[in-house]
Amino acid sequence: MKFFVDTADVAAIAELNELGMVDGVTTNPSLILKSGRDILEVTKEICSMVSGPVSAEVVALKADEMIAEGRKLAAIAPNIAVKVPLTWDGLKTCKVLSSDGFMVNVTLCFSANQALLAAKAGATFISPFIGRLDDINIDGMELIGDIRTIYDNYDFQTQILAASIRTVNHMKDAALIGADVATAPPAVIKSMANHVLTDKGLEQFMADWAKTGQKIL
């Protein structure tokens, strides 16, 4: 499973990228706001840091304007994936931009029917939002499983990009179900290394090592 980092914080991206944990980056208007930077400037910097897809989202609501914004964003770097919402205008935009040869990430997906439409429109990525479904007592992972089944049934090449990931269990479950990509905040990815038994075992090793009175360096 590929790891995308869901942030516009270049320092956080750089830290994970050094460990080989970054296969791509996803941004959205909320993350751009949080960064406090110009969208074109910060997106260009992120694209220069990572070789994988970097999602940059349009903010228009009508297809003609979405297409124009998408083409401007795509001109930033070859690894831009234009992010469009899963609306009818977003699907029209997806079809045009994907036909032009651009990567397109269709976001705000909350149903298998929506995911099916995105694949038919030529989406490179579909972004089902796990956490937001969980928030309203719907199992977000069930949606990932449904999309996986449908895409496998018909050999769609659209990649399932599990999004709105809140916990390390979301990451594990997305991998078990077979999501192609999971995008998560840096803190969630780093938390995947944590385990209470690892901490306990290390504490015991350090205590025993101190008793030997030895040094390695």
C-alpha atoms as a PDB file:
ATOM      1  CA  MET A   1       0.000   0.000   0.000  1.00  0.00           C
ATOM      2  CA  LYS A   2       1.259   3.436  -0.909  1.00  0.00           C
ATOM      3  CA  PHE A   3       1.473   6.110   1.784  1.00  0.00           C
ATOM      4  CA  PHE A   4       0.404   9.634   0.884  1.00  0.00           C
ATOM      5  CA  VAL A   5       0.864  12.369   3.487  1.00  0.00           C
ATOM      6  CA  ASP A   6      -2.210  14.514   4.045  1.00  0.00           C
ATOM      7  CA  THR A   7      -0.641  17.882   4.777  1.00  0.00           C
ATOM      8  CA  ALA A   8       0.775  21.074   3.272  1.00  0.00           C
ATOM      9  CA  ASP A   9       3.433  21.292   6.004  1.00  0.00           C
ATOM     10  CA  VAL A  10       6.697  20.973   4.077  1.00  0.00           C
ATOM     11  CA  ALA A  11       8.765  20.255   7.206  1.00  0.00           C
ATOM     12  CA  ALA A  12       6.547  17.299   8.124  1.00  0.00           C
ATOM     13  CA  ILE A  13       6.705  16.011   4.553  1.00  0.00           C
ATOM     14  CA  ALA A  14      10.504  16.283   4.521  1.00  0.00           C
ATOM     15  CA  GLU A  15      10.862  14.303   7.758  1.00  0.00           C
ATOM     16  CA  LEU A  16       8.792  11.370   6.483  1.00  0.00           C
ATOM     17  CA  ASN A  17      10.277  11.571   2.998  1.00  0.00           C
ATOM     18  CA  GLU A  18      13.762  10.988   4.398  1.00  0.00           C
ATOM     19  CA  LEU A  19      12.542   7.633   5.744  1.00  0.00           C
ATOM     20  CA  GLY A  20      11.009   6.592   2.444  1.00  0.00           C
ATOM     21  CA  MET A  21       7.489   6.894   3.860  1.00  0.00           C
ATOM     22  CA  VAL A  22       6.137   9.318   1.253  1.00  0.00           C
ATOM     23  CA  ASP A  23       4.747   7.970  -2.016  1.00  0.00           C
ATOM     24  CA  GLY A  24       2.727  11.116  -2.587  1.00  0.00           C
ATOM     25  CA  VAL A  25       1.002  14.054  -0.909  1.00  0.00           C
ATOM     26  CA  THR A  26      -2.599  15.205  -0.668  1.00  0.00           C
ATOM     27  CA  THR A  27      -3.687  18.754   0.057  1.00  0.00           C
ATOM     28  CA  ASN A  28      -7.042  20.503   0.214  1.00  0.00           C
ATOM     29  CA  PRO A  29      -8.250  24.069   0.867  1.00  0.00           C
ATOM     30  CA  SER A  30      -8.339  23.464   4.642  1.00  0.00           C
ATOM     31  CA  LEU A  31      -4.710  22.272   4.674  1.00  0.00           C
ATOM     32  CA  ILE A  32      -3.625  25.217   2.507  1.00  0.00           C
ATOM     33  CA  LEU A  33      -5.315  27.542   5.013  1.00  0.00           C
ATOM     34  CA  LYS A  34      -3.508  25.808   7.871  1.00  0.00           C
ATOM     35  CA  SER A  35      -0.154  26.225   6.105  1.00  0.00           C
ATOM     36  CA  GLY A  36      -0.696  29.983   5.825  1.00  0.00           C
ATOM     37  CA  ARG A  37       0.960  29.990   2.395  1.00  0.00           C
ATOM     38  CA  ASP A  38      -0.001  30.697  -1.210  1.00  0.00           C
ATOM     39  CA  ILE A  39      -1.411  27.569  -2.875  1.00  0.00           C
ATOM     40  CA  LEU A  40       0.740  27.812  -5.995  1.00  0.00           C
ATOM     41  CA  GLU A  41       3.924  28.484  -4.036  1.00  0.00           C
ATOM     42  CA  VAL A  42       3.563  25.724  -1.449  1.00  0.00           C
ATOM     43  CA  THR A  43       2.317  23.193  -4.002  1.00  0.00           C
ATOM     44  CA  LYS A  44       5.320  23.844  -6.231  1.00  0.00           C
ATOM     45  CA  GLU A  45       7.664  23.344  -3.276  1.00  0.00           C
ATOM     46  CA  ILE A  46       5.980  20.069  -2.320  1.00  0.00           C
ATOM     47  CA  CYS A  47       6.191  18.822  -5.922  1.00  0.00           C
ATOM     48  CA  SER A  48       9.938  19.480  -5.916  1.00  0.00           C
ATOM     49  CA  MET A  49      10.350  17.427  -2.721  1.00  0.00           C
ATOM     50  CA  VAL A  50       8.517  14.245  -3.706  1.00  0.00           C
ATOM     51  CA  SER A  51       8.451  12.313  -6.942  1.00  0.00           C
ATOM     52  CA  GLY A  52       4.971  10.831  -6.469  1.00  0.00           C
ATOM     53  CA  PRO A  53       1.573  12.421  -7.088  1.00  0.00           C
ATOM     54  CA  VAL A  54       0.741  15.660  -5.292  1.00  0.00           C
ATOM     55  CA  SER A  55      -2.979  16.399  -5.126  1.00  0.00           C
ATOM     56  CA  ALA A  56      -3.988  20.039  -5.502  1.00  0.00           C
ATOM     57  CA  GLU A  57      -7.674  20.857  -5.293  1.00  0.00           C
ATOM     58  CA  VAL A  58      -9.805  23.113  -7.452  1.00  0.00           C
ATOM     59  CA  VAL A  59     -12.163  25.484  -5.646  1.00  0.00           C
ATOM     60  CA  ALA A  60     -14.626  26.360  -8.417  1.00  0.00           C
ATOM     61  CA  LEU A  61     -18.041  24.673  -8.448  1.00  0.00           C
ATOM     62  CA  LYS A  62     -18.877  24.751 -12.168  1.00  0.00           C
ATOM     63  CA  ALA A  63     -17.201  22.477 -14.692  1.00  0.00           C
ATOM     64  CA  ASP A  64     -15.804  25.178 -17.017  1.00  0.00           C
ATOM     65  CA  GLU A  65     -14.121  26.984 -14.125  1.00  0.00           C
ATOM     66  CA  MET A  66     -12.957  23.712 -12.566  1.00  0.00           C
ATOM     67  CA  ILE A  67     -11.319  22.710 -15.826  1.00  0.00           C
ATOM     68  CA  ALA A  68      -9.545  26.067 -16.106  1.00  0.00           C
ATOM     69  CA  GLU A  69      -8.328  25.861 -12.501  1.00  0.00           C
ATOM     70  CA  GLY A  70      -7.299  22.246 -12.978  1.00  0.00           C
ATOM     71  CA  ARG A  71      -5.185  23.063 -16.012  1.00  0.00           C
ATOM     72  CA  LYS A  72      -3.490  25.903 -14.109  1.00  0.00           C
ATOM     73  CA  LEU A  73      -2.734  23.616 -11.170  1.00  0.00           C
ATOM     74  CA  ALA A  74      -1.504  20.843 -13.470  1.00  0.00           C
ATOM     75  CA  ALA A  75       0.959  23.303 -15.023  1.00  0.00           C
ATOM     76  CA  ILE A  76       2.771  23.607 -11.661  1.00  0.00           C
ATOM     77  CA  ALA A  77       4.597  20.287 -12.099  1.00  0.00           C
ATOM     78  CA  PRO A  78       4.253  16.965 -13.966  1.00  0.00           C
ATOM     79  CA  ASN A  79       3.390  15.105 -10.745  1.00  0.00           C
ATOM     80  CA  ILE A  80       0.280  17.157  -9.942  1.00  0.00           C
ATOM     81  CA  ALA A  81      -2.969  15.235  -9.501  1.00  0.00           C
ATOM     82  CA  VAL A  82      -5.848  17.648  -9.904  1.00  0.00           C
ATOM     83  CA  LYS A  83      -8.336  17.114  -7.111  1.00  0.00           C
ATOM     84  CA  VAL A  84     -12.027  17.587  -7.928  1.00  0.00           C
ATOM     85  CA  PRO A  85     -15.155  17.009  -5.810  1.00  0.00           C
ATOM     86  CA  LEU A  86     -17.509  14.154  -6.528  1.00  0.00           C
ATOM     87  CA  THR A  87     -20.278  16.256  -8.015  1.00  0.00           C
ATOM     88  CA  TRP A  88     -21.694  16.061 -11.518  1.00  0.00           C
ATOM     89  CA  ASP A  89     -19.560  19.054 -12.517  1.00  0.00           C
ATOM     90  CA  GLY A  90     -16.586  17.396 -10.859  1.00  0.00           C
ATOM     91  CA  LEU A  91     -17.142  14.256 -12.921  1.00  0.00           C
ATOM     92  CA  LYS A  92     -17.345  16.341 -16.110  1.00  0.00           C
ATOM     93  CA  THR A  93     -14.053  17.963 -15.125  1.00  0.00           C
ATOM     94  CA  CYS A  94     -12.510  14.589 -14.376  1.00  0.00           C
ATOM     95  CA  LYS A  95     -13.402  13.309 -17.836  1.00  0.00           C
ATOM     96  CA  VAL A  96     -11.917  16.334 -19.599  1.00  0.00           C
ATOM     97  CA  LEU A  97      -8.709  16.505 -17.556  1.00  0.00           C
ATOM     98  CA  SER A  98      -8.084  12.758 -17.624  1.00  0.00           C
ATOM     99  CA  SER A  99      -8.607  12.800 -21.403  1.00  0.00           C
ATOM    100  CA  ASP A 100      -5.983  15.557 -21.548  1.00  0.00           C
ATOM    101  CA  GLY A 101      -3.558  13.174 -19.838  1.00  0.00           C
ATOM    102  CA  PHE A 102      -3.627  14.694 -16.354  1.00  0.00           C
ATOM    103  CA  MET A 103      -3.913  12.711 -13.139  1.00  0.00           C
ATOM    104  CA  VAL A 104      -7.231  13.348 -11.404  1.00  0.00           C
ATOM    105  CA  ASN A 105      -8.136  12.624  -7.784  1.00  0.00           C
ATOM    106  CA  VAL A 106     -11.903  12.592  -7.241  1.00  0.00           C
ATOM    107  CA  THR A 107     -12.515  13.481  -3.610  1.00  0.00           C
ATOM    108  CA  LEU A 108     -15.363  13.594  -1.083  1.00  0.00           C
ATOM    109  CA  CYS A 109     -16.583  10.126  -2.039  1.00  0.00           C
ATOM    110  CA  PHE A 110     -19.101   8.602   0.370  1.00  0.00           C
ATOM    111  CA  SER A 111     -20.745   5.802  -1.637  1.00  0.00           C
ATOM    112  CA  ALA A 112     -19.837   2.909  -3.911  1.00  0.00           C
ATOM    113  CA  ASN A 113     -22.090   4.351  -6.627  1.00  0.00           C
ATOM    114  CA  GLN A 114     -20.089   7.571  -6.575  1.00  0.00           C
ATOM    115  CA  ALA A 115     -16.865   5.573  -6.855  1.00  0.00           C
ATOM    116  CA  LEU A 116     -18.248   3.673  -9.837  1.00  0.00           C
ATOM    117  CA  LEU A 117     -19.074   6.920 -11.613  1.00  0.00           C
ATOM    118  CA  ALA A 118     -15.585   8.304 -10.921  1.00  0.00           C
ATOM    119  CA  ALA A 119     -13.953   5.226 -12.418  1.00  0.00           C
ATOM    120  CA  LYS A 120     -16.145   5.510 -15.516  1.00  0.00           C
ATOM    121  CA  ALA A 121     -15.088   9.168 -15.822  1.00  0.00           C
ATOM    122  CA  GLY A 122     -11.423   8.157 -15.883  1.00  0.00           C
ATOM    123  CA  ALA A 123     -10.323   9.085 -12.373  1.00  0.00           C
ATOM    124  CA  THR A 124      -6.740   8.210 -11.456  1.00  0.00           C
ATOM    125  CA  PHE A 125      -7.681   8.110  -7.775  1.00  0.00           C
ATOM    126  CA  ILE A 126     -10.943   7.883  -5.858  1.00  0.00           C
ATOM    127  CA  SER A 127     -10.869   9.262  -2.307  1.00  0.00           C
ATOM    128  CA  PRO A 128     -13.475   7.653  -0.017  1.00  0.00           C
ATOM    129  CA  PHE A 129     -13.647   9.463   3.329  1.00  0.00           C
ATOM    130  CA  ILE A 130     -13.479   6.883   6.112  1.00  0.00           C
ATOM    131  CA  GLY A 131     -13.448   9.074   9.207  1.00  0.00           C
ATOM    132  CA  ARG A 132     -16.338  11.286   8.182  1.00  0.00           C
ATOM    133  CA  LEU A 133     -18.526   8.211   7.623  1.00  0.00           C
ATOM    134  CA  ASP A 134     -17.518   6.854  11.013  1.00  0.00           C
ATOM    135  CA  ASP A 135     -18.572  10.210  12.482  1.00  0.00           C
ATOM    136  CA  ILE A 136     -22.174   9.539  11.445  1.00  0.00           C
ATOM    137  CA  ASN A 137     -22.130   5.892  12.577  1.00  0.00           C
ATOM    138  CA  ILE A 138     -21.536   4.380   9.135  1.00  0.00           C
ATOM    139  CA  ASP A 139     -18.618   1.961   8.777  1.00  0.00           C
ATOM    140  CA  GLY A 140     -16.145   3.741   6.518  1.00  0.00           C
ATOM    141  CA  MET A 141     -14.163   0.539   5.971  1.00  0.00           C
ATOM    142  CA  GLU A 142     -17.224  -1.177   4.544  1.00  0.00           C
ATOM    143  CA  LEU A 143     -17.187   1.434   1.779  1.00  0.00           C
ATOM    144  CA  ILE A 144     -13.522   0.678   1.005  1.00  0.00           C
ATOM    145  CA  GLY A 145     -14.396  -3.016   0.747  1.00  0.00           C
ATOM    146  CA  ASP A 146     -17.374  -2.355  -1.539  1.00  0.00           C
ATOM    147  CA  ILE A 147     -15.292  -0.217  -3.892  1.00  0.00           C
ATOM    148  CA  ARG A 148     -12.506  -2.811  -3.941  1.00  0.00           C
ATOM    149  CA  THR A 149     -15.003  -5.497  -4.971  1.00  0.00           C
ATOM    150  CA  ILE A 150     -16.558  -3.372  -7.709  1.00  0.00           C
ATOM    151  CA  TYR A 151     -13.241  -2.248  -9.155  1.00  0.00           C
ATOM    152  CA  ASP A 152     -11.896  -5.800  -9.128  1.00  0.00           C
ATOM    153  CA  ASN A 153     -15.101  -7.114 -10.747  1.00  0.00           C
ATOM    154  CA  TYR A 154     -14.607  -4.892 -13.767  1.00  0.00           C
ATOM    155  CA  ASP A 155     -10.852  -4.340 -13.751  1.00  0.00           C
ATOM    156  CA  PHE A 156     -11.088  -0.584 -13.271  1.00  0.00           C
ATOM    157  CA  GLN A 157      -7.637   0.996 -13.063  1.00  0.00           C
ATOM    158  CA  THR A 158      -8.743   3.808 -10.731  1.00  0.00           C
ATOM    159  CA  GLN A 159      -6.757   3.547  -7.498  1.00  0.00           C
ATOM    160  CA  ILE A 160      -8.587   3.480  -4.169  1.00  0.00           C
ATOM    161  CA  LEU A 161      -7.107   6.246  -2.014  1.00  0.00           C
ATOM    162  CA  ALA A 162      -8.415   5.779   1.532  1.00  0.00           C
ATOM    163  CA  ALA A 163      -8.833   9.259   2.990  1.00  0.00           C
ATOM    164  CA  SER A 164     -10.103  10.988   6.136  1.00  0.00           C
ATOM    165  CA  ILE A 165      -7.935   8.588   8.097  1.00  0.00           C
ATOM    166  CA  ARG A 166      -7.948   9.316  11.810  1.00  0.00           C
ATOM    167  CA  THR A 167      -6.271   6.328  13.482  1.00  0.00           C
ATOM    168  CA  VAL A 168      -3.606   3.669  13.066  1.00  0.00           C
ATOM    169  CA  ASN A 169      -6.408   1.089  12.932  1.00  0.00           C
ATOM    170  CA  HIS A 170      -7.763   2.866   9.878  1.00  0.00           C
ATOM    171  CA  MET A 171      -4.363   2.379   8.243  1.00  0.00           C
ATOM    172  CA  LYS A 172      -4.246  -1.319   9.132  1.00  0.00           C
ATOM    173  CA  ASP A 173      -7.805  -2.002   8.005  1.00  0.00           C
ATOM    174  CA  ALA A 174      -7.322  -0.136   4.722  1.00  0.00           C
ATOM    175  CA  ALA A 175      -4.257  -2.281   4.026  1.00  0.00           C
ATOM    176  CA  LEU A 176      -6.104  -5.505   4.904  1.00  0.00           C
ATOM    177  CA  ILE A 177      -9.017  -4.647   2.617  1.00  0.00           C
ATOM    178  CA  GLY A 178      -6.670  -3.762  -0.217  1.00  0.00           C
ATOM    179  CA  ALA A 179      -6.763   0.013  -0.637  1.00  0.00           C
ATOM    180  CA  ASP A 180      -4.111   1.003  -3.183  1.00  0.00           C
ATOM    181  CA  VAL A 181      -3.202   4.135  -1.228  1.00  0.00           C
ATOM    182  CA  ALA A 182      -3.864   5.557   2.224  1.00  0.00           C
ATOM    183  CA  THR A 183      -3.445   9.249   2.893  1.00  0.00           C
ATOM    184  CA  ALA A 184      -3.008  10.261   6.511  1.00  0.00           C
ATOM    185  CA  PRO A 185      -1.733  13.129   8.635  1.00  0.00           C
ATOM    186  CA  PRO A 186       1.953  12.855   9.578  1.00  0.00           C
ATOM    187  CA  ALA A 187       1.076  12.160  13.230  1.00  0.00           C
ATOM    188  CA  VAL A 188      -0.968   9.083  12.310  1.00  0.00           C
ATOM    189  CA  ILE A 189       1.790   7.646  10.129  1.00  0.00           C
ATOM    190  CA  LYS A 190       4.372   8.191  12.872  1.00  0.00           C
ATOM    191  CA  SER A 191       2.053   6.621  15.459  1.00  0.00           C
ATOM    192  CA  MET A 192       2.092   3.369  13.490  1.00  0.00           C
ATOM    193  CA  ALA A 193       5.533   2.694  15.015  1.00  0.00           C
ATOM    194  CA  ASN A 194       4.168   2.808  18.561  1.00  0.00           C
ATOM    195  CA  HIS A 195       3.361  -0.243  20.694  1.00  0.00           C
ATOM    196  CA  VAL A 196       3.246  -0.544  24.464  1.00  0.00           C
ATOM    197  CA  LEU A 197       5.085  -3.872  24.382  1.00  0.00           C
ATOM    198  CA  THR A 198       7.884  -2.364  22.297  1.00  0.00           C
ATOM    199  CA  ASP A 199       8.284   0.358  24.934  1.00  0.00           C
ATOM    200  CA  LYS A 200       8.163  -2.170  27.761  1.00  0.00           C
ATOM    201  CA  GLY A 201      10.684  -4.474  26.103  1.00  0.00           C
ATOM    202  CA  LEU A 202      13.087  -1.619  25.372  1.00  0.00           C
ATOM    203  CA  GLU A 203      12.840  -0.433  28.960  1.00  0.00           C
ATOM    204  CA  GLN A 204      13.814  -3.913  30.184  1.00  0.00           C
ATOM    205  CA  PHE A 205      16.703  -4.181  27.724  1.00  0.00           C
ATOM    206  CA  MET A 206      18.061  -0.800  28.834  1.00  0.00           C
ATOM    207  CA  ALA A 207      17.825  -1.739  32.509  1.00  0.00           C
ATOM    208  CA  ASP A 208      19.655  -5.017  31.925  1.00  0.00           C
ATOM    209  CA  TRP A 209      22.282  -3.336  29.766  1.00  0.00           C
ATOM    210  CA  ALA A 210      23.009  -0.778  32.480  1.00  0.00           C
ATOM    211  CA  LYS A 211      23.726  -3.645  34.884  1.00  0.00           C
ATOM    212  CA  THR A 212      26.460  -5.005  32.588  1.00  0.00           C
ATOM    213  CA  GLY A 213      28.489  -1.818  32.932  1.00  0.00           C
ATOM    214  CA  GLN A 214      29.477  -2.105  29.256  1.00  0.00           C
ATOM    215  CA  LYS A 215      29.595   0.387  26.371  1.00  0.00           C
ATOM    216  CA  ILE A 216      29.453  -0.077  22.647  1.00  0.00           C
ATOM    217  CA  LEU A 217      30.955   3.302  21.782  1.00  0.00           C
END
